[in-house]
Amino acid sequence: MTNALVSIQIIPKTKNGEDVIPYVDAAIEVIQQAGIKYEVHPLETTMEGELTELLAVIEKMNQKMVERGSSSIISQVKIYYNPDGASMDVLTEKYR
């Protein structure tokens, strides 16, 4: 059972002010490689899993931005934690 939902918007500072979309795509690849449930939305991506695992994914996302040449990164993070279980589907079922 998962215990957390974590939404992240990653904003890397690029070398010469180039487009950040390729950086964001690389950050989403980190999430994909983690093998966790996630949904990409226009302004953020929401992940579902164990809180410690999701925070480790965020750390890897930031490291990936540095590897791509970003000198600094802003990660705006929202966390929903429920030790009894957290699910995107349950929280949004009345809207589907």
C-alpha atoms as a PDB file:
ATOM      1  CA  MET A   1       0.000   0.000   0.000  1.00  0.00           C
ATOM      2  CA  THR A   2       1.293   3.469  -0.832  1.00  0.00           C
ATOM      3  CA  ASN A   3       1.296   6.167   1.799  1.00  0.00           C
ATOM      4  CA  ALA A   4       2.005   9.341  -0.141  1.00  0.00           C
ATOM      5  CA  LEU A   5       1.241  11.475  -3.140  1.00  0.00           C
ATOM      6  CA  VAL A   6       3.958  13.923  -4.114  1.00  0.00           C
ATOM      7  CA  SER A   7       3.540  16.565  -6.779  1.00  0.00           C
ATOM      8  CA  ILE A   8       6.610  18.279  -8.166  1.00  0.00           C
ATOM      9  CA  GLN A   9       7.265  21.157 -10.500  1.00  0.00           C
ATOM     10  CA  ILE A  10      10.959  21.315 -11.347  1.00  0.00           C
ATOM     11  CA  ILE A  11      12.401  24.588 -12.613  1.00  0.00           C
ATOM     12  CA  PRO A  12      16.050  24.295 -13.634  1.00  0.00           C
ATOM     13  CA  LYS A  13      18.241  27.290 -14.343  1.00  0.00           C
ATOM     14  CA  THR A  14      19.640  26.681 -17.820  1.00  0.00           C
ATOM     15  CA  LYS A  15      23.122  27.724 -18.999  1.00  0.00           C
ATOM     16  CA  ASN A  16      22.165  30.340 -21.552  1.00  0.00           C
ATOM     17  CA  GLY A  17      18.473  30.775 -20.887  1.00  0.00           C
ATOM     18  CA  GLU A  18      17.538  27.983 -23.276  1.00  0.00           C
ATOM     19  CA  ASP A  19      14.187  26.215 -23.203  1.00  0.00           C
ATOM     20  CA  VAL A  20      13.616  24.161 -20.041  1.00  0.00           C
ATOM     21  CA  ILE A  21      11.330  21.593 -21.692  1.00  0.00           C
ATOM     22  CA  PRO A  22      14.158  19.150 -22.550  1.00  0.00           C
ATOM     23  CA  TYR A  23      15.241  19.373 -18.900  1.00  0.00           C
ATOM     24  CA  VAL A  24      11.706  18.702 -17.693  1.00  0.00           C
ATOM     25  CA  ASP A  25      11.495  15.745 -20.078  1.00  0.00           C
ATOM     26  CA  ALA A  26      14.702  14.367 -18.531  1.00  0.00           C
ATOM     27  CA  ALA A  27      13.229  14.814 -15.037  1.00  0.00           C
ATOM     28  CA  ILE A  28      10.113  12.885 -16.066  1.00  0.00           C
ATOM     29  CA  GLU A  29      12.368  10.132 -17.445  1.00  0.00           C
ATOM     30  CA  VAL A  30      13.807   9.774 -13.926  1.00  0.00           C
ATOM     31  CA  ILE A  31      10.270   9.188 -12.641  1.00  0.00           C
ATOM     32  CA  GLN A  32       9.577   6.672 -15.412  1.00  0.00           C
ATOM     33  CA  GLN A  33      12.764   4.762 -14.609  1.00  0.00           C
ATOM     34  CA  ALA A  34      11.744   4.581 -10.933  1.00  0.00           C
ATOM     35  CA  GLY A  35       8.798   2.387 -11.942  1.00  0.00           C
ATOM     36  CA  ILE A  36       6.279   4.203  -9.770  1.00  0.00           C
ATOM     37  CA  LYS A  37       2.754   5.325 -10.608  1.00  0.00           C
ATOM     38  CA  TYR A  38       2.649   8.920 -11.834  1.00  0.00           C
ATOM     39  CA  GLU A  39       0.586  11.388 -13.861  1.00  0.00           C
ATOM     40  CA  VAL A  40       1.970  14.299 -15.853  1.00  0.00           C
ATOM     41  CA  HIS A  41      -0.111  17.477 -15.718  1.00  0.00           C
ATOM     42  CA  PRO A  42       0.516  20.835 -17.407  1.00  0.00           C
ATOM     43  CA  LEU A  43       2.209  22.471 -14.422  1.00  0.00           C
ATOM     44  CA  GLU A  44       3.402  19.552 -12.302  1.00  0.00           C
ATOM     45  CA  THR A  45       3.761  15.797 -12.125  1.00  0.00           C
ATOM     46  CA  THR A  46       2.159  13.756  -9.342  1.00  0.00           C
ATOM     47  CA  MET A  47       3.741  10.537  -8.089  1.00  0.00           C
ATOM     48  CA  GLU A  48       2.218   7.841  -5.886  1.00  0.00           C
ATOM     49  CA  GLY A  49       4.225   5.581  -3.591  1.00  0.00           C
ATOM     50  CA  GLU A  50       6.083   5.367  -0.306  1.00  0.00           C
ATOM     51  CA  LEU A  51       7.164   8.804   0.898  1.00  0.00           C
ATOM     52  CA  THR A  52      10.829   7.882   1.351  1.00  0.00           C
ATOM     53  CA  GLU A  53      10.935   6.409  -2.165  1.00  0.00           C
ATOM     54  CA  LEU A  54       9.298   9.483  -3.703  1.00  0.00           C
ATOM     55  CA  LEU A  55      11.681  11.867  -1.936  1.00  0.00           C
ATOM     56  CA  ALA A  56      14.596   9.816  -3.301  1.00  0.00           C
ATOM     57  CA  VAL A  57      13.151  10.231  -6.804  1.00  0.00           C
ATOM     58  CA  ILE A  58      13.057  14.004  -6.304  1.00  0.00           C
ATOM     59  CA  GLU A  59      16.708  13.929  -5.274  1.00  0.00           C
ATOM     60  CA  LYS A  60      17.572  11.984  -8.452  1.00  0.00           C
ATOM     61  CA  MET A  61      15.590  14.469 -10.545  1.00  0.00           C
ATOM     62  CA  ASN A  62      17.637  17.338  -9.138  1.00  0.00           C
ATOM     63  CA  GLN A  63      20.880  15.430  -9.735  1.00  0.00           C
ATOM     64  CA  LYS A  64      19.823  14.841 -13.351  1.00  0.00           C
ATOM     65  CA  MET A  65      19.357  18.589 -13.831  1.00  0.00           C
ATOM     66  CA  VAL A  66      22.907  19.212 -12.592  1.00  0.00           C
ATOM     67  CA  GLU A  67      24.220  16.486 -14.937  1.00  0.00           C
ATOM     68  CA  ARG A  68      22.522  18.317 -17.815  1.00  0.00           C
ATOM     69  CA  GLY A  69      24.335  21.525 -16.885  1.00  0.00           C
ATOM     70  CA  SER A  70      21.840  23.350 -14.680  1.00  0.00           C
ATOM     71  CA  SER A  71      23.607  25.509 -12.079  1.00  0.00           C
ATOM     72  CA  SER A  72      20.601  25.569  -9.742  1.00  0.00           C
ATOM     73  CA  ILE A  73      17.116  24.090  -9.508  1.00  0.00           C
ATOM     74  CA  ILE A  74      13.875  25.096  -7.856  1.00  0.00           C
ATOM     75  CA  SER A  75      11.721  22.101  -6.931  1.00  0.00           C
ATOM     76  CA  GLN A  76       8.230  23.069  -5.840  1.00  0.00           C
ATOM     77  CA  VAL A  77       6.862  20.068  -3.966  1.00  0.00           C
ATOM     78  CA  LYS A  78       3.471  19.230  -2.479  1.00  0.00           C
ATOM     79  CA  ILE A  79       3.099  16.193  -0.248  1.00  0.00           C
ATOM     80  CA  TYR A  80      -0.044  14.360   0.793  1.00  0.00           C
ATOM     81  CA  TYR A  81       0.823  11.748   3.426  1.00  0.00           C
ATOM     82  CA  ASN A  82      -1.564   9.217   4.914  1.00  0.00           C
ATOM     83  CA  PRO A  83      -0.096   6.205   6.720  1.00  0.00           C
ATOM     84  CA  ASP A  84      -3.366   4.337   6.092  1.00  0.00           C
ATOM     85  CA  GLY A  85      -2.995   4.752   2.328  1.00  0.00           C
ATOM     86  CA  ALA A  86      -2.838   7.396  -0.372  1.00  0.00           C
ATOM     87  CA  SER A  87      -4.172   7.057  -3.899  1.00  0.00           C
ATOM     88  CA  MET A  88      -4.621   9.496  -6.776  1.00  0.00           C
ATOM     89  CA  ASP A  89      -7.581   7.461  -7.987  1.00  0.00           C
ATOM     90  CA  VAL A  90      -9.374   7.574  -4.630  1.00  0.00           C
ATOM     91  CA  LEU A  91      -8.819  11.313  -4.152  1.00  0.00           C
ATOM     92  CA  THR A  92     -10.105  12.148  -7.627  1.00  0.00           C
ATOM     93  CA  GLU A  93     -12.728   9.431  -8.238  1.00  0.00           C
ATOM     94  CA  LYS A  94     -15.707  11.773  -7.855  1.00  0.00           C
ATOM     95  CA  TYR A  95     -14.356  13.864 -10.775  1.00  0.00           C
ATOM     96  CA  ARG A  96     -13.938  10.970 -13.208  1.00  0.00           C
END
